[in-house]
Amino acid sequence: MPVRMKDIAGALGVSIVTVSKALRNHPDIAAETRDRILARVKELNYRPNLMARSLVTGHSELVGLVVPDLVHPFFGEIAKALSAGLRQKNFYLIVSSSDGDPALERAEIEHLLAYRLDALVVASCQLAPSNLKSVMDQGTPLILLDRSFPGLESHFVGADDYRVGVLATKHLIESGRTRIAHLRGPANSVGTSRLRGFVDTMQQHGLPVPTGYISSPPKDSIQRRNGNIAMKHMLALDAPPQAVFCFNDAVALGAMEAAAEASIEMPKDLAIIGCGNYHFNDTLRVPLSSIDQGSAAMGKRLAQLILETVASKATLKPTSTILKPKLVIRDSSRP
């Protein structure tokens, strides 16, 4: 039989409430009593029933995070910073991946909600926010990450994706290139905003965007192979681009592979810039230029927002935190 809190209390001659306070490091008990209880807990290998405790306290001290890709370093860095921020207040993170599948995302959200989460963070791959609205209707605080939905009144933390497109495109223009293409992202708020930033910047500089210079939005998650396939199509054009702004670093890596396979020298014959600023970009054979979105800062802000939400007795007014992206120039796009 599993050890219960009641068993520990009976063995030490203290109340169940005292045991509970010791486990939560509550200051309202003597240090000697706490040490006795914790020693007994360790001896018996006791693990608290978090579900039962949440029914009593109203808090599970659990936060859910659903992202489209667990392999993506961008989301990994956010999860790391978010988890560290939550852990300082004894809250813990449950991470799940939707693999860019809207149906799987809905199933993962329903599964996580069964844990009576104190908050749910979602980087959604949905095209419409109907199921996310239902989360809010159930009373679980919802924070959108990276992807937003017009008209959905929820907290949001992300980067200025229009500015991402502007920074990347302006850098390629200033590096001396005029035939510039874009390997775009999905048809969500992120992909659309970066595309607008690219097109607007090209128009402002009087540069055309020829047919074939904008790839089709991918139907699945944004992976390396998307960039490889799209880049091969562009290199086969009669007038292939001199430079490419890639939706993210994964796509950029695929584009670089396609260029290398075609014996195209980077950055002399083709300049490439991505987005995400992967930690290994410096170590590539041709170090990859990128736009840094501030993933660690996003994770810290998410943790702060969640803890404020949980601590507040009233419903907080939805806030929007938009981080300013930064250009990181490396060899792949130098003049």
Protein backbone atom coordinates (compact mmCIF):
# COMPACT_ATOMS: atom_id res chain seq x y z
CA MET A 1 0.00 0.00 0.00
CA PRO A 2 1.30 3.50 -0.77
CA VAL A 3 2.30 5.61 2.20
CA ARG A 4 -0.27 8.30 3.06
CA MET A 5 0.17 11.64 4.77
CA LYS A 6 -2.09 10.27 7.50
CA ASP A 7 0.42 7.48 8.19
CA ILE A 8 3.30 9.94 8.65
CA ALA A 9 1.22 12.16 10.93
CA GLY A 10 0.19 9.17 13.11
CA ALA A 11 3.73 7.83 13.38
CA LEU A 12 5.12 11.19 14.54
CA GLY A 13 2.17 12.28 16.67
CA VAL A 14 1.45 15.44 14.66
CA SER A 15 -1.53 16.59 12.64
CA ILE A 16 -2.00 16.06 8.91
CA VAL A 17 -1.98 19.84 8.53
CA THR A 18 1.48 20.01 10.14
CA VAL A 19 2.81 17.37 7.74
CA SER A 20 1.33 19.30 4.82
CA LYS A 21 2.99 22.52 5.95
CA ALA A 22 6.35 20.80 6.31
CA LEU A 23 6.11 19.44 2.76
CA ARG A 24 5.33 22.94 1.46
CA ASN A 25 8.11 24.52 3.55
CA HIS A 26 5.55 26.66 5.33
CA PRO A 27 7.11 29.02 7.92
CA ASP A 28 4.34 28.35 10.45
CA ILE A 29 6.02 25.27 12.02
CA ALA A 30 9.17 24.80 14.11
CA ALA A 31 12.37 23.84 12.29
CA GLU A 32 12.82 20.77 14.50
CA THR A 33 9.32 19.52 13.66
CA ARG A 34 9.90 20.12 9.96
CA ASP A 35 13.17 18.20 10.03
CA ARG A 36 11.52 15.24 11.80
CA ILE A 37 8.73 15.11 9.25
CA LEU A 38 11.03 15.44 6.23
CA ALA A 39 13.31 12.72 7.60
CA ARG A 40 10.32 10.40 7.95
CA VAL A 41 9.09 11.31 4.49
CA LYS A 42 12.47 10.38 3.03
CA GLU A 43 12.65 7.16 5.04
CA LEU A 44 9.24 5.99 3.82
CA ASN A 45 9.74 7.32 0.26
CA TYR A 46 6.48 9.21 0.53
CA ARG A 47 5.15 11.07 -2.52
CA PRO A 48 2.25 13.48 -2.09
CA ASN A 49 -0.94 12.95 -4.06
CA LEU A 50 -0.94 16.17 -6.07
CA MET A 51 -4.41 15.60 -7.46
CA ALA A 52 -5.90 15.17 -3.98
CA ARG A 53 -4.04 18.20 -2.66
CA SER A 54 -5.27 20.34 -5.53
CA LEU A 55 -8.86 19.56 -4.56
CA VAL A 56 -8.17 20.96 -1.09
CA THR A 57 -5.95 23.94 -1.94
CA GLY A 58 -7.48 24.86 -5.30
CA HIS A 59 -4.00 24.81 -6.86
CA SER A 60 -2.17 21.92 -8.52
CA GLU A 61 1.09 23.91 -8.78
CA LEU A 62 1.28 22.53 -12.33
CA VAL A 63 1.54 24.53 -15.55
CA GLY A 64 1.03 23.03 -19.00
CA LEU A 65 3.01 23.97 -22.11
CA VAL A 66 1.95 22.80 -25.58
CA VAL A 67 4.30 23.57 -28.48
CA PRO A 68 4.35 22.37 -32.10
CA ASP A 69 7.88 20.93 -31.96
CA LEU A 70 9.91 19.76 -28.95
CA VAL A 71 13.05 19.38 -31.09
CA HIS A 72 13.01 23.07 -32.02
CA PRO A 73 15.67 24.88 -29.92
CA PHE A 74 13.49 28.01 -29.82
CA PHE A 75 10.76 26.25 -27.85
CA GLY A 76 13.33 24.28 -25.83
CA GLU A 77 14.98 27.47 -24.59
CA ILE A 78 11.58 28.96 -23.71
CA ALA A 79 10.62 25.82 -21.77
CA LYS A 80 13.93 25.86 -19.89
CA ALA A 81 13.57 29.49 -18.78
CA LEU A 82 9.87 29.04 -17.97
CA SER A 83 10.53 25.95 -15.86
CA ALA A 84 13.33 27.69 -13.96
CA GLY A 85 11.11 30.67 -13.18
CA LEU A 86 8.22 28.51 -11.99
CA ARG A 87 10.46 26.29 -9.87
CA GLN A 88 11.44 29.25 -7.68
CA LYS A 89 7.86 29.28 -6.36
CA ASN A 90 7.46 25.47 -6.28
CA PHE A 91 5.43 25.31 -9.49
CA TYR A 92 6.29 22.72 -12.11
CA LEU A 93 5.99 22.46 -15.87
CA ILE A 94 4.41 19.70 -17.96
CA VAL A 95 5.50 19.91 -21.61
CA SER A 96 3.70 18.37 -24.58
CA SER A 97 4.12 18.49 -28.36
CA SER A 98 1.38 18.80 -30.96
CA ASP A 99 3.76 17.98 -33.85
CA GLY A 100 2.06 20.81 -35.74
CA ASP A 101 -1.19 18.79 -35.88
CA PRO A 102 -4.32 20.74 -34.82
CA ALA A 103 -6.23 17.57 -33.87
CA LEU A 104 -3.34 16.31 -31.75
CA GLU A 105 -3.03 19.73 -30.13
CA ARG A 106 -6.68 19.60 -29.06
CA ALA A 107 -6.20 16.11 -27.62
CA GLU A 108 -3.05 17.14 -25.73
CA ILE A 109 -4.81 20.18 -24.26
CA GLU A 110 -7.73 18.06 -23.03
CA HIS A 111 -5.31 15.58 -21.47
CA LEU A 112 -3.37 18.30 -19.66
CA LEU A 113 -6.51 19.99 -18.37
CA ALA A 114 -7.35 16.77 -16.50
CA TYR A 115 -4.42 17.62 -14.19
CA ARG A 116 -6.33 20.72 -12.99
CA LEU A 117 -3.59 23.04 -14.27
CA ASP A 118 -3.04 26.42 -12.67
CA ALA A 119 -2.28 27.82 -16.14
CA LEU A 120 -1.84 26.64 -19.72
CA VAL A 121 0.64 28.06 -22.26
CA VAL A 122 0.03 27.21 -25.93
CA ALA A 123 2.01 27.91 -29.08
CA SER A 124 -0.95 26.94 -31.22
CA CYS A 125 -1.00 25.47 -34.71
CA GLN A 126 -4.77 26.02 -34.99
CA LEU A 127 -6.18 28.17 -37.77
CA ALA A 128 -9.12 29.26 -35.56
CA PRO A 129 -9.15 29.81 -31.78
CA SER A 130 -12.46 28.09 -30.94
CA ASN A 131 -10.98 25.28 -28.82
CA LEU A 132 -8.65 27.73 -27.06
CA LYS A 133 -11.63 29.88 -26.14
CA SER A 134 -13.24 26.82 -24.57
CA VAL A 135 -10.18 26.50 -22.30
CA MET A 136 -10.77 30.02 -21.04
CA ASP A 137 -14.49 29.32 -20.60
CA GLN A 138 -13.57 26.43 -18.28
CA GLY A 139 -11.68 28.86 -16.05
CA THR A 140 -8.09 27.80 -16.77
CA PRO A 141 -5.82 30.83 -17.33
CA LEU A 142 -4.55 30.70 -20.91
CA ILE A 143 -1.41 32.37 -22.24
CA LEU A 144 -0.68 32.32 -25.97
CA LEU A 145 2.97 31.94 -26.93
CA ASP A 146 4.51 33.04 -30.24
CA ARG A 147 1.21 32.77 -32.20
CA SER A 148 -1.75 35.08 -31.58
CA PHE A 149 -5.38 35.17 -32.71
CA PRO A 150 -7.23 38.43 -33.44
CA GLY A 151 -10.26 38.78 -31.19
CA LEU A 152 -9.16 36.21 -28.59
CA GLU A 153 -8.72 38.13 -25.34
CA SER A 154 -5.95 36.23 -23.62
CA HIS A 155 -2.43 36.97 -22.42
CA PHE A 156 0.20 36.82 -25.17
CA VAL A 157 3.99 36.61 -25.15
CA GLY A 158 5.93 36.69 -28.40
CA ALA A 159 8.28 38.57 -30.70
CA ASP A 160 7.57 41.36 -33.17
CA ASP A 161 7.45 39.06 -36.19
CA TYR A 162 6.83 41.85 -38.68
CA ARG A 163 10.05 43.42 -37.41
CA VAL A 164 11.80 40.06 -37.86
CA GLY A 165 10.98 40.21 -41.58
CA VAL A 166 12.08 43.83 -41.84
CA LEU A 167 15.42 43.29 -40.06
CA ALA A 168 16.37 40.22 -42.09
CA THR A 169 15.38 41.69 -45.45
CA LYS A 170 16.97 45.08 -44.81
CA HIS A 171 20.23 43.39 -43.83
CA LEU A 172 20.31 41.37 -47.06
CA ILE A 173 19.62 44.53 -49.11
CA GLU A 174 22.33 46.48 -47.27
CA SER A 175 24.77 43.62 -47.91
CA GLY A 176 24.51 44.40 -51.62
CA ARG A 177 21.98 41.83 -52.83
CA THR A 178 18.98 42.76 -54.97
CA ARG A 179 17.46 39.39 -55.97
CA ILE A 180 16.12 38.30 -52.58
CA ALA A 181 13.73 35.43 -51.87
CA HIS A 182 11.77 34.27 -48.83
CA LEU A 183 11.27 30.69 -47.65
CA ARG A 184 8.10 31.42 -45.75
CA GLY A 185 6.46 29.82 -42.74
CA PRO A 186 2.92 28.54 -42.16
CA ALA A 187 -0.18 30.65 -42.73
CA ASN A 188 -0.48 31.67 -39.08
CA SER A 189 0.22 35.00 -37.38
CA VAL A 190 3.98 34.37 -37.26
CA GLY A 191 4.46 33.25 -40.85
CA THR A 192 2.15 35.93 -42.22
CA SER A 193 3.78 38.75 -40.24
CA ARG A 194 7.32 37.80 -41.32
CA LEU A 195 6.15 37.57 -44.93
CA ARG A 196 4.61 41.07 -44.72
CA GLY A 197 7.84 42.43 -43.26
CA PHE A 198 9.77 40.94 -46.17
CA VAL A 199 7.43 42.19 -48.91
CA ASP A 200 7.03 45.69 -47.45
CA THR A 201 10.80 46.14 -47.07
CA MET A 202 11.44 45.02 -50.64
CA GLN A 203 8.82 47.47 -51.94
CA GLN A 204 10.19 50.32 -49.83
CA HIS A 205 13.58 49.80 -51.48
CA GLY A 206 12.10 49.59 -54.96
CA LEU A 207 13.04 45.93 -55.40
CA PRO A 208 10.81 43.40 -57.20
CA VAL A 209 9.80 40.02 -55.83
CA PRO A 210 9.73 37.80 -58.95
CA THR A 211 7.40 34.82 -59.33
CA GLY A 212 8.84 31.86 -57.47
CA TYR A 213 10.77 33.97 -54.98
CA ILE A 214 8.28 33.26 -52.17
CA SER A 215 7.82 29.60 -51.30
CA SER A 216 4.41 28.09 -50.56
CA PRO A 217 3.37 27.83 -46.88
CA PRO A 218 4.23 24.35 -45.58
CA LYS A 219 1.35 22.11 -44.55
CA ASP A 220 3.27 20.41 -41.75
CA SER A 221 5.75 21.56 -39.10
CA ILE A 222 8.63 23.79 -40.14
CA GLN A 223 11.54 21.42 -40.55
CA ARG A 224 14.90 21.26 -42.25
CA ARG A 225 13.54 19.34 -45.24
CA ASN A 226 11.07 22.17 -45.99
CA GLY A 227 14.00 24.51 -46.54
CA ASN A 228 15.93 21.97 -48.57
CA ILE A 229 13.06 21.29 -50.97
CA ALA A 230 12.06 24.94 -51.36
CA MET A 231 15.67 26.06 -51.95
CA LYS A 232 16.17 23.46 -54.68
CA HIS A 233 13.12 24.82 -56.51
CA MET A 234 14.47 28.37 -56.32
CA LEU A 235 17.94 27.39 -57.47
CA ALA A 236 16.35 25.86 -60.56
CA LEU A 237 14.83 29.21 -61.61
CA ASP A 238 16.23 30.99 -64.68
CA ALA A 239 17.38 33.81 -62.38
CA PRO A 240 17.95 32.22 -58.96
CA PRO A 241 18.07 34.51 -55.91
CA GLN A 242 21.28 36.03 -54.58
CA ALA A 243 19.97 35.96 -51.02
CA VAL A 244 17.28 34.18 -49.00
CA PHE A 245 15.46 35.11 -45.81
CA CYS A 246 14.32 31.87 -44.18
CA PHE A 247 11.37 31.63 -41.81
CA ASN A 248 13.53 30.03 -39.10
CA ASP A 249 16.96 28.50 -38.60
CA ALA A 250 15.74 24.96 -39.29
CA VAL A 251 14.55 26.04 -42.74
CA ALA A 252 17.83 27.93 -43.23
CA LEU A 253 19.86 24.81 -42.48
CA GLY A 254 17.91 22.92 -45.14
CA ALA A 255 18.50 25.77 -47.59
CA MET A 256 22.23 25.72 -46.85
CA GLU A 257 22.33 21.97 -47.50
CA ALA A 258 20.64 22.44 -50.89
CA ALA A 259 23.10 25.21 -51.80
CA ALA A 260 26.08 23.08 -50.77
CA GLU A 261 24.78 20.14 -52.83
CA ALA A 262 24.62 22.47 -55.85
CA SER A 263 28.22 23.63 -55.21
CA ILE A 264 27.05 27.17 -54.53
CA GLU A 265 29.47 29.17 -52.41
CA MET A 266 28.06 31.00 -49.38
CA PRO A 267 27.95 33.93 -48.94
CA LYS A 268 29.68 34.86 -52.23
CA ASP A 269 27.02 33.39 -54.52
CA LEU A 270 24.15 33.07 -52.05
CA ALA A 271 23.50 34.80 -48.73
CA ILE A 272 21.21 33.12 -46.19
CA ILE A 273 19.70 34.36 -42.95
CA GLY A 274 17.34 32.53 -40.60
CA CYS A 275 15.48 33.27 -37.38
CA GLY A 276 15.82 31.78 -33.90
CA ASN A 277 19.56 32.21 -33.36
CA TYR A 278 20.25 28.56 -32.54
CA HIS A 279 23.06 28.05 -30.04
CA PHE A 280 25.05 26.01 -32.57
CA ASN A 281 24.87 28.54 -35.43
CA ASP A 282 28.43 29.68 -34.67
CA THR A 283 29.79 26.15 -35.10
CA LEU A 284 28.49 25.49 -38.63
CA ARG A 285 30.94 25.28 -41.54
CA VAL A 286 29.44 28.57 -42.67
CA PRO A 287 28.17 30.23 -39.46
CA LEU A 288 24.52 31.17 -39.93
CA SER A 289 23.22 34.72 -39.60
CA SER A 290 19.95 34.88 -37.71
CA ILE A 291 17.36 37.00 -35.93
CA ASP A 292 17.35 36.52 -32.16
CA GLN A 293 13.77 36.56 -30.80
CA GLY A 294 14.75 36.52 -27.13
CA SER A 295 13.51 33.01 -26.30
CA ALA A 296 14.93 32.99 -22.75
CA ALA A 297 13.32 36.37 -22.05
CA MET A 298 10.00 34.96 -23.28
CA GLY A 299 10.26 32.06 -20.84
CA LYS A 300 11.02 34.40 -17.93
CA ARG A 301 8.10 36.66 -18.82
CA LEU A 302 5.76 33.67 -19.06
CA ALA A 303 6.77 32.51 -15.58
CA GLN A 304 6.27 35.98 -14.16
CA LEU A 305 2.85 36.31 -15.80
CA ILE A 306 1.70 32.89 -14.59
CA LEU A 307 2.77 33.51 -10.98
CA GLU A 308 1.03 36.90 -11.02
CA THR A 309 -2.12 35.29 -12.40
CA VAL A 310 -2.17 32.51 -9.82
CA ALA A 311 -1.52 34.92 -6.94
CA SER A 312 -4.23 37.36 -8.02
CA LYS A 313 -7.68 36.94 -6.48
CA ALA A 314 -9.22 38.79 -9.42
CA THR A 315 -9.01 38.00 -13.12
CA LEU A 316 -6.15 40.00 -14.60
CA LYS A 317 -6.73 42.08 -17.69
CA PRO A 318 -5.13 40.38 -20.73
CA THR A 319 -1.67 41.72 -21.51
CA SER A 320 0.51 41.49 -24.61
CA THR A 321 4.29 41.24 -24.28
CA ILE A 322 6.06 41.83 -27.60
CA LEU A 323 9.85 41.43 -27.53
CA LYS A 324 12.08 43.32 -29.95
CA PRO A 325 14.11 40.99 -32.22
CA LYS A 326 17.84 41.54 -32.76
CA LEU A 327 19.97 40.98 -35.86
CA VAL A 328 22.95 38.64 -35.43
CA ILE A 329 25.28 38.77 -38.45
CA ARG A 330 27.57 35.84 -39.24
CA ASP A 331 29.42 34.59 -42.31
CA SER A 332 26.38 33.23 -44.19
CA SER A 333 25.21 36.73 -45.15
CA ARG A 334 28.20 39.04 -44.94
CA PRO A 335 28.70 41.49 -47.85
